[in-house]
């Protein structure tokens, strides 16, 4: 009799397990892409992301990429307004008028059949400052540089002269007389610790020039030409900023 009850109990457990509507295991079914409306720092993993942004108002767009059925937001950060749609979550951060930085966590779960994935985005927003940035110091002409367009490789290899999303755009750094030097170290890099390329609203940057010095040696690298892809339509503003002791002392834009 006891043996029969044990068998019946085991069968009942199997039936209940098979009838459950809840996903029963974790899987790898999505990845993240994050777009900042303004400036900020990103550290992106496959299923999570850490974001640090200034204190001013901006939108953060989170694309959940993958072949899945649906997702649910389970926890919203108390520092912004969250909205979600088809494979995207948007967060509006207002000006942080508090006296310290503030943080919040967005958590969500992605479902496909009986599988699921959890994801999270941690956001830290610094204190809002209305102060105007320091004016760049006066730099002699020989140390000024220019950001120039160098070429376009269309994604579809067509004859269009106007860049479209997914096209490859090449850029160059030139001297103030518009001269390009592909090899060696031009004179204009001398006053800078680094020269950094960035694009408005894009999270990534490229160090065109960098000088590292320690007690025994000094290392430098310089890239005269580089390229990037842009994935959204519309105008994009790019910058080259020259830094010395952590401050921008000269910049150019295109």
C-alpha atoms as a PDB file:
ATOM      1  CA  UNK A   1       0.000   0.000   0.000  1.00  0.00           C
ATOM      2  CA  UNK A   2       2.762   2.453   0.942  1.00  0.00           C
ATOM      3  CA  UNK A   3       4.585   1.635  -2.283  1.00  0.00           C
ATOM      4  CA  UNK A   4       1.411   2.349  -4.308  1.00  0.00           C
ATOM      5  CA  UNK A   5       0.927   5.742  -2.587  1.00  0.00           C
ATOM      6  CA  UNK A   6       4.504   6.660  -3.319  1.00  0.00           C
ATOM      7  CA  UNK A   7       4.079   5.883  -7.037  1.00  0.00           C
ATOM      8  CA  UNK A   8       0.804   7.861  -7.213  1.00  0.00           C
ATOM      9  CA  UNK A   9       2.394  10.859  -5.506  1.00  0.00           C
ATOM     10  CA  UNK A  10       5.299  10.785  -7.941  1.00  0.00           C
ATOM     11  CA  UNK A  11       2.920  10.687 -10.938  1.00  0.00           C
ATOM     12  CA  UNK A  12       0.883  13.586  -9.499  1.00  0.00           C
ATOM     13  CA  UNK A  13       4.066  15.696  -9.185  1.00  0.00           C
ATOM     14  CA  UNK A  14       4.898  15.033 -12.825  1.00  0.00           C
ATOM     15  CA  UNK A  15       1.394  16.051 -13.893  1.00  0.00           C
ATOM     16  CA  UNK A  16       1.494  19.320 -11.953  1.00  0.00           C
ATOM     17  CA  UNK A  17       4.964  20.098 -13.247  1.00  0.00           C
ATOM     18  CA  UNK A  18       3.881  19.480 -16.827  1.00  0.00           C
ATOM     19  CA  UNK A  19       0.781  21.655 -16.494  1.00  0.00           C
ATOM     20  CA  UNK A  20       2.564  24.693 -15.032  1.00  0.00           C
ATOM     21  CA  UNK A  21       2.391  27.868 -17.177  1.00  0.00           C
ATOM     22  CA  UNK A  22       5.538  29.349 -15.628  1.00  0.00           C
ATOM     23  CA  UNK A  23       8.842  29.142 -17.540  1.00  0.00           C
ATOM     24  CA  UNK A  24      10.980  26.490 -15.912  1.00  0.00           C
ATOM     25  CA  UNK A  25      14.578  27.447 -16.667  1.00  0.00           C
ATOM     26  CA  UNK A  26      16.947  30.259 -17.487  1.00  0.00           C
ATOM     27  CA  UNK A  27      18.290  30.638 -21.029  1.00  0.00           C
ATOM     28  CA  UNK A  28      20.361  33.008 -23.142  1.00  0.00           C
ATOM     29  CA  UNK A  29      17.697  34.583 -25.349  1.00  0.00           C
ATOM     30  CA  UNK A  30      18.479  38.307 -25.598  1.00  0.00           C
ATOM     31  CA  UNK A  31      21.189  40.964 -25.560  1.00  0.00           C
ATOM     32  CA  UNK A  32      21.169  44.693 -24.795  1.00  0.00           C
ATOM     33  CA  UNK A  33      21.855  47.848 -26.773  1.00  0.00           C
ATOM     34  CA  UNK A  34      21.737  51.176 -24.922  1.00  0.00           C
ATOM     35  CA  UNK A  35      21.544  54.688 -26.377  1.00  0.00           C
ATOM     36  CA  UNK A  36      22.036  57.869 -24.325  1.00  0.00           C
ATOM     37  CA  UNK A  37      20.439  61.102 -25.463  1.00  0.00           C
ATOM     38  CA  UNK A  38      23.309  63.092 -23.946  1.00  0.00           C
ATOM     39  CA  UNK A  39      26.673  62.411 -22.387  1.00  0.00           C
ATOM     40  CA  UNK A  40      27.414  59.525 -20.054  1.00  0.00           C
ATOM     41  CA  UNK A  41      29.454  56.402 -19.375  1.00  0.00           C
ATOM     42  CA  UNK A  42      28.357  52.872 -20.245  1.00  0.00           C
ATOM     43  CA  UNK A  43      29.504  49.420 -19.179  1.00  0.00           C
ATOM     44  CA  UNK A  44      27.379  46.913 -21.114  1.00  0.00           C
ATOM     45  CA  UNK A  45      27.192  43.181 -20.537  1.00  0.00           C
ATOM     46  CA  UNK A  46      25.016  40.709 -22.419  1.00  0.00           C
ATOM     47  CA  UNK A  47      22.066  40.939 -20.005  1.00  0.00           C
ATOM     48  CA  UNK A  48      22.974  43.882 -17.787  1.00  0.00           C
ATOM     49  CA  UNK A  49      24.337  47.384 -17.995  1.00  0.00           C
ATOM     50  CA  UNK A  50      25.720  50.088 -15.704  1.00  0.00           C
ATOM     51  CA  UNK A  51      25.192  53.720 -16.673  1.00  0.00           C
ATOM     52  CA  UNK A  52      26.623  56.912 -15.159  1.00  0.00           C
ATOM     53  CA  UNK A  53      25.218  60.190 -16.473  1.00  0.00           C
ATOM     54  CA  UNK A  54      25.440  63.899 -15.620  1.00  0.00           C
ATOM     55  CA  UNK A  55      22.714  65.552 -13.582  1.00  0.00           C
ATOM     56  CA  UNK A  56      20.828  67.153 -16.448  1.00  0.00           C
ATOM     57  CA  UNK A  57      17.631  65.781 -17.948  1.00  0.00           C
ATOM     58  CA  UNK A  58      17.949  63.168 -20.691  1.00  0.00           C
ATOM     59  CA  UNK A  59      16.367  60.035 -22.161  1.00  0.00           C
ATOM     60  CA  UNK A  60      17.938  56.575 -22.004  1.00  0.00           C
ATOM     61  CA  UNK A  61      16.780  54.060 -24.636  1.00  0.00           C
ATOM     62  CA  UNK A  62      17.272  50.336 -23.960  1.00  0.00           C
ATOM     63  CA  UNK A  63      16.773  47.936 -26.866  1.00  0.00           C
ATOM     64  CA  UNK A  64      16.199  44.273 -25.957  1.00  0.00           C
ATOM     65  CA  UNK A  65      17.543  42.356 -28.955  1.00  0.00           C
ATOM     66  CA  UNK A  66      16.654  38.758 -29.713  1.00  0.00           C
ATOM     67  CA  UNK A  67      14.082  36.257 -30.954  1.00  0.00           C
ATOM     68  CA  UNK A  68      11.730  36.021 -27.968  1.00  0.00           C
ATOM     69  CA  UNK A  69       8.010  36.165 -27.204  1.00  0.00           C
ATOM     70  CA  UNK A  70       7.724  39.111 -24.821  1.00  0.00           C
ATOM     71  CA  UNK A  71       9.293  40.829 -21.815  1.00  0.00           C
ATOM     72  CA  UNK A  72       8.012  42.240 -18.535  1.00  0.00           C
ATOM     73  CA  UNK A  73       9.451  45.077 -16.462  1.00  0.00           C
ATOM     74  CA  UNK A  74       9.585  43.829 -12.865  1.00  0.00           C
ATOM     75  CA  UNK A  75      11.329  46.689 -11.037  1.00  0.00           C
ATOM     76  CA  UNK A  76      11.476  50.364 -12.033  1.00  0.00           C
ATOM     77  CA  UNK A  77      14.065  52.873 -10.758  1.00  0.00           C
ATOM     78  CA  UNK A  78      12.663  55.585  -8.499  1.00  0.00           C
ATOM     79  CA  UNK A  79      14.822  58.239 -10.194  1.00  0.00           C
ATOM     80  CA  UNK A  80      13.050  58.345 -13.572  1.00  0.00           C
ATOM     81  CA  UNK A  81       9.896  57.746 -15.606  1.00  0.00           C
ATOM     82  CA  UNK A  82       9.794  54.399 -17.432  1.00  0.00           C
ATOM     83  CA  UNK A  83       7.860  53.499 -20.568  1.00  0.00           C
ATOM     84  CA  UNK A  84       8.083  50.323 -22.647  1.00  0.00           C
ATOM     85  CA  UNK A  85       7.050  49.235 -26.101  1.00  0.00           C
ATOM     86  CA  UNK A  86       8.014  46.727 -28.770  1.00  0.00           C
ATOM     87  CA  UNK A  87      11.441  45.443 -27.677  1.00  0.00           C
ATOM     88  CA  UNK A  88      12.400  48.788 -26.149  1.00  0.00           C
ATOM     89  CA  UNK A  89      12.359  50.470 -22.740  1.00  0.00           C
ATOM     90  CA  UNK A  90      12.802  54.236 -22.361  1.00  0.00           C
ATOM     91  CA  UNK A  91      13.725  56.049 -19.165  1.00  0.00           C
ATOM     92  CA  UNK A  92      13.358  59.796 -18.695  1.00  0.00           C
ATOM     93  CA  UNK A  93      15.717  61.210 -16.088  1.00  0.00           C
ATOM     94  CA  UNK A  94      14.850  64.696 -14.907  1.00  0.00           C
ATOM     95  CA  UNK A  95      17.403  67.170 -13.535  1.00  0.00           C
ATOM     96  CA  UNK A  96      18.940  65.838 -10.319  1.00  0.00           C
ATOM     97  CA  UNK A  97      18.512  68.817  -8.009  1.00  0.00           C
ATOM     98  CA  UNK A  98      19.529  66.868  -4.901  1.00  0.00           C
ATOM     99  CA  UNK A  99      22.850  67.463  -3.136  1.00  0.00           C
ATOM    100  CA  UNK A 100      24.261  64.008  -3.913  1.00  0.00           C
ATOM    101  CA  UNK A 101      24.231  61.515  -6.762  1.00  0.00           C
ATOM    102  CA  UNK A 102      21.224  59.229  -7.001  1.00  0.00           C
ATOM    103  CA  UNK A 103      20.914  55.648  -8.232  1.00  0.00           C
ATOM    104  CA  UNK A 104      18.206  53.229  -9.321  1.00  0.00           C
ATOM    105  CA  UNK A 105      17.838  49.801 -10.883  1.00  0.00           C
ATOM    106  CA  UNK A 106      15.587  48.701 -13.735  1.00  0.00           C
ATOM    107  CA  UNK A 107      14.887  44.947 -13.773  1.00  0.00           C
ATOM    108  CA  UNK A 108      13.013  42.954 -16.417  1.00  0.00           C
ATOM    109  CA  UNK A 109      12.456  39.373 -17.537  1.00  0.00           C
ATOM    110  CA  UNK A 110      12.417  38.154 -21.136  1.00  0.00           C
ATOM    111  CA  UNK A 111      10.352  35.076 -22.072  1.00  0.00           C
ATOM    112  CA  UNK A 112      10.458  32.584 -24.924  1.00  0.00           C
ATOM    113  CA  UNK A 113       8.300  29.508 -24.590  1.00  0.00           C
ATOM    114  CA  UNK A 114       9.323  27.794 -21.353  1.00  0.00           C
ATOM    115  CA  UNK A 115      12.595  29.695 -21.175  1.00  0.00           C
ATOM    116  CA  UNK A 116      13.316  33.029 -19.548  1.00  0.00           C
ATOM    117  CA  UNK A 117      16.133  35.524 -19.036  1.00  0.00           C
ATOM    118  CA  UNK A 118      16.472  38.221 -16.417  1.00  0.00           C
ATOM    119  CA  UNK A 119      18.117  41.542 -17.178  1.00  0.00           C
ATOM    120  CA  UNK A 120      18.974  44.685 -15.272  1.00  0.00           C
ATOM    121  CA  UNK A 121      20.169  48.245 -15.861  1.00  0.00           C
ATOM    122  CA  UNK A 122      21.778  50.192 -13.003  1.00  0.00           C
ATOM    123  CA  UNK A 123      21.712  53.977 -13.386  1.00  0.00           C
ATOM    124  CA  UNK A 124      23.678  56.551 -11.413  1.00  0.00           C
ATOM    125  CA  UNK A 125      22.952  60.216 -12.042  1.00  0.00           C
ATOM    126  CA  UNK A 126      25.313  62.876 -10.782  1.00  0.00           C
ATOM    127  CA  UNK A 127      24.210  66.199  -9.285  1.00  0.00           C
ATOM    128  CA  UNK A 128      22.870  68.791 -11.721  1.00  0.00           C
ATOM    129  CA  UNK A 129      25.118  71.784 -12.278  1.00  0.00           C
ATOM    130  CA  UNK A 130      23.961  74.891 -14.140  1.00  0.00           C
ATOM    131  CA  UNK A 131      27.458  76.344 -14.239  1.00  0.00           C
ATOM    132  CA  UNK A 132      28.871  77.022 -17.680  1.00  0.00           C
ATOM    133  CA  UNK A 133      31.894  74.920 -18.637  1.00  0.00           C
ATOM    134  CA  UNK A 134      35.315  76.506 -18.492  1.00  0.00           C
ATOM    135  CA  UNK A 135      36.306  78.383 -21.622  1.00  0.00           C
ATOM    136  CA  UNK A 136      39.157  76.697 -23.477  1.00  0.00           C
ATOM    137  CA  UNK A 137      42.485  78.445 -23.018  1.00  0.00           C
ATOM    138  CA  UNK A 138      44.002  80.279 -25.946  1.00  0.00           C
ATOM    139  CA  UNK A 139      46.027  77.793 -27.982  1.00  0.00           C
ATOM    140  CA  UNK A 140      48.635  78.922 -30.548  1.00  0.00           C
ATOM    141  CA  UNK A 141      47.771  78.105 -34.158  1.00  0.00           C
ATOM    142  CA  UNK A 142      50.501  75.480 -34.470  1.00  0.00           C
ATOM    143  CA  UNK A 143      48.783  73.431 -31.724  1.00  0.00           C
ATOM    144  CA  UNK A 144      45.285  73.677 -33.199  1.00  0.00           C
ATOM    145  CA  UNK A 145      43.784  70.723 -35.038  1.00  0.00           C
ATOM    146  CA  UNK A 146      40.822  70.125 -37.352  1.00  0.00           C
ATOM    147  CA  UNK A 147      38.273  67.326 -37.573  1.00  0.00           C
ATOM    148  CA  UNK A 148      37.635  66.456 -41.226  1.00  0.00           C
ATOM    149  CA  UNK A 149      35.552  63.958 -43.173  1.00  0.00           C
ATOM    150  CA  UNK A 150      37.792  61.570 -45.091  1.00  0.00           C
ATOM    151  CA  UNK A 151      35.470  59.214 -46.933  1.00  0.00           C
ATOM    152  CA  UNK A 152      32.279  57.175 -47.119  1.00  0.00           C
ATOM    153  CA  UNK A 153      31.825  53.452 -47.724  1.00  0.00           C
ATOM    154  CA  UNK A 154      28.108  52.737 -48.363  1.00  0.00           C
ATOM    155  CA  UNK A 155      26.670  49.668 -46.672  1.00  0.00           C
ATOM    156  CA  UNK A 156      25.024  48.566 -49.933  1.00  0.00           C
ATOM    157  CA  UNK A 157      27.977  49.635 -52.112  1.00  0.00           C
ATOM    158  CA  UNK A 158      25.829  52.086 -54.072  1.00  0.00           C
ATOM    159  CA  UNK A 159      26.675  55.522 -55.480  1.00  0.00           C
ATOM    160  CA  UNK A 160      24.950  57.680 -52.848  1.00  0.00           C
ATOM    161  CA  UNK A 161      27.044  60.598 -51.596  1.00  0.00           C
ATOM    162  CA  UNK A 162      24.888  61.284 -48.550  1.00  0.00           C
ATOM    163  CA  UNK A 163      25.592  58.845 -45.671  1.00  0.00           C
ATOM    164  CA  UNK A 164      22.800  56.530 -44.591  1.00  0.00           C
ATOM    165  CA  UNK A 165      22.459  54.319 -41.494  1.00  0.00           C
ATOM    166  CA  UNK A 166      25.005  51.450 -41.407  1.00  0.00           C
ATOM    167  CA  UNK A 167      27.380  53.242 -43.820  1.00  0.00           C
ATOM    168  CA  UNK A 168      31.019  53.503 -42.763  1.00  0.00           C
ATOM    169  CA  UNK A 169      32.265  57.080 -42.304  1.00  0.00           C
ATOM    170  CA  UNK A 170      35.978  57.851 -42.173  1.00  0.00           C
ATOM    171  CA  UNK A 171      37.465  60.858 -40.361  1.00  0.00           C
ATOM    172  CA  UNK A 172      40.872  62.507 -40.206  1.00  0.00           C
ATOM    173  CA  UNK A 173      42.638  64.827 -37.801  1.00  0.00           C
ATOM    174  CA  UNK A 174      44.547  67.591 -39.605  1.00  0.00           C
ATOM    175  CA  UNK A 175      46.588  70.629 -38.613  1.00  0.00           C
ATOM    176  CA  UNK A 176      45.200  74.158 -38.646  1.00  0.00           C
ATOM    177  CA  UNK A 177      46.292  74.579 -42.310  1.00  0.00           C
ATOM    178  CA  UNK A 178      44.213  71.509 -43.242  1.00  0.00           C
ATOM    179  CA  UNK A 179      47.283  69.330 -43.833  1.00  0.00           C
ATOM    180  CA  UNK A 180      47.033  65.586 -43.219  1.00  0.00           C
ATOM    181  CA  UNK A 181      49.992  63.626 -41.830  1.00  0.00           C
ATOM    182  CA  UNK A 182      49.293  59.868 -41.829  1.00  0.00           C
ATOM    183  CA  UNK A 183      52.647  58.794 -40.351  1.00  0.00           C
ATOM    184  CA  UNK A 184      54.511  59.946 -37.245  1.00  0.00           C
ATOM    185  CA  UNK A 185      53.546  62.475 -34.584  1.00  0.00           C
ATOM    186  CA  UNK A 186      52.497  65.935 -35.835  1.00  0.00           C
ATOM    187  CA  UNK A 187      53.595  69.023 -33.934  1.00  0.00           C
ATOM    188  CA  UNK A 188      50.070  69.942 -32.837  1.00  0.00           C
ATOM    189  CA  UNK A 189      49.818  67.028 -30.346  1.00  0.00           C
ATOM    190  CA  UNK A 190      52.550  68.442 -28.081  1.00  0.00           C
ATOM    191  CA  UNK A 191      50.418  70.298 -25.472  1.00  0.00           C
ATOM    192  CA  UNK A 192      47.856  67.476 -25.043  1.00  0.00           C
ATOM    193  CA  UNK A 193      47.681  64.458 -22.762  1.00  0.00           C
ATOM    194  CA  UNK A 194      45.006  63.010 -25.055  1.00  0.00           C
ATOM    195  CA  UNK A 195      42.806  63.905 -28.019  1.00  0.00           C
ATOM    196  CA  UNK A 196      39.420  62.159 -28.024  1.00  0.00           C
ATOM    197  CA  UNK A 197      36.794  61.763 -30.743  1.00  0.00           C
ATOM    198  CA  UNK A 198      33.128  61.499 -29.796  1.00  0.00           C
ATOM    199  CA  UNK A 199      29.712  61.919 -31.407  1.00  0.00           C
ATOM    200  CA  UNK A 200      26.746  63.637 -29.795  1.00  0.00           C
ATOM    201  CA  UNK A 201      24.420  61.138 -28.152  1.00  0.00           C
ATOM    202  CA  UNK A 202      26.725  58.188 -28.838  1.00  0.00           C
ATOM    203  CA  UNK A 203      28.229  56.237 -25.936  1.00  0.00           C
ATOM    204  CA  UNK A 204      31.582  55.283 -27.443  1.00  0.00           C
ATOM    205  CA  UNK A 205      34.719  57.384 -27.889  1.00  0.00           C
ATOM    206  CA  UNK A 206      38.018  56.934 -29.709  1.00  0.00           C
ATOM    207  CA  UNK A 207      41.364  58.134 -28.340  1.00  0.00           C
ATOM    208  CA  UNK A 208      43.098  59.607 -31.376  1.00  0.00           C
ATOM    209  CA  UNK A 209      46.165  60.588 -29.369  1.00  0.00           C
ATOM    210  CA  UNK A 210      47.284  59.510 -25.903  1.00  0.00           C
ATOM    211  CA  UNK A 211      50.440  60.072 -23.895  1.00  0.00           C
ATOM    212  CA  UNK A 212      51.196  57.920 -20.841  1.00  0.00           C
ATOM    213  CA  UNK A 213      54.118  58.799 -18.597  1.00  0.00           C
ATOM    214  CA  UNK A 214      55.495  57.085 -15.512  1.00  0.00           C
ATOM    215  CA  UNK A 215      58.706  57.420 -13.490  1.00  0.00           C
ATOM    216  CA  UNK A 216      60.853  55.635 -16.053  1.00  0.00           C
ATOM    217  CA  UNK A 217      59.226  55.977 -19.465  1.00  0.00           C
ATOM    218  CA  UNK A 218      56.747  57.750 -21.690  1.00  0.00           C
ATOM    219  CA  UNK A 219      54.487  56.064 -24.257  1.00  0.00           C
ATOM    220  CA  UNK A 220      52.485  57.714 -27.019  1.00  0.00           C
ATOM    221  CA  UNK A 221      50.110  56.525 -29.701  1.00  0.00           C
ATOM    222  CA  UNK A 222      48.505  58.540 -32.492  1.00  0.00           C
ATOM    223  CA  UNK A 223      45.833  57.613 -35.041  1.00  0.00           C
ATOM    224  CA  UNK A 224      45.545  60.000 -37.981  1.00  0.00           C
ATOM    225  CA  UNK A 225      42.460  58.388 -39.564  1.00  0.00           C
ATOM    226  CA  UNK A 226      39.628  56.274 -38.151  1.00  0.00           C
ATOM    227  CA  UNK A 227      36.065  55.308 -39.023  1.00  0.00           C
ATOM    228  CA  UNK A 228      32.696  54.640 -37.425  1.00  0.00           C
ATOM    229  CA  UNK A 229      29.195  53.403 -38.236  1.00  0.00           C
ATOM    230  CA  UNK A 230      26.024  55.294 -37.309  1.00  0.00           C
ATOM    231  CA  UNK A 231      22.805  53.336 -37.031  1.00  0.00           C
ATOM    232  CA  UNK A 232      20.096  56.015 -36.814  1.00  0.00           C
ATOM    233  CA  UNK A 233      18.958  58.556 -39.436  1.00  0.00           C
ATOM    234  CA  UNK A 234      19.455  62.297 -39.077  1.00  0.00           C
ATOM    235  CA  UNK A 235      22.357  64.660 -38.511  1.00  0.00           C
ATOM    236  CA  UNK A 236      25.155  63.716 -36.125  1.00  0.00           C
ATOM    237  CA  UNK A 237      27.626  66.160 -34.578  1.00  0.00           C
ATOM    238  CA  UNK A 238      31.143  64.877 -33.986  1.00  0.00           C
ATOM    239  CA  UNK A 239      33.840  66.356 -31.751  1.00  0.00           C
ATOM    240  CA  UNK A 240      37.586  66.228 -31.308  1.00  0.00           C
ATOM    241  CA  UNK A 241      38.615  67.404 -27.839  1.00  0.00           C
ATOM    242  CA  UNK A 242      42.169  67.963 -26.696  1.00  0.00           C
ATOM    243  CA  UNK A 243      42.789  67.378 -22.961  1.00  0.00           C
ATOM    244  CA  UNK A 244      45.540  68.567 -20.662  1.00  0.00           C
ATOM    245  CA  UNK A 245      45.475  67.729 -16.936  1.00  0.00           C
ATOM    246  CA  UNK A 246      41.882  66.550 -17.285  1.00  0.00           C
ATOM    247  CA  UNK A 247      40.578  69.743 -18.901  1.00  0.00           C
ATOM    248  CA  UNK A 248      39.607  70.465 -22.498  1.00  0.00           C
ATOM    249  CA  UNK A 249      41.973  73.153 -23.794  1.00  0.00           C
ATOM    250  CA  UNK A 250      40.986  72.990 -27.450  1.00  0.00           C
ATOM    251  CA  UNK A 251      38.235  71.357 -29.522  1.00  0.00           C
ATOM    252  CA  UNK A 252      36.823  71.185 -33.031  1.00  0.00           C
ATOM    253  CA  UNK A 253      33.540  69.807 -34.349  1.00  0.00           C
ATOM    254  CA  UNK A 254      31.887  68.792 -37.587  1.00  0.00           C
END
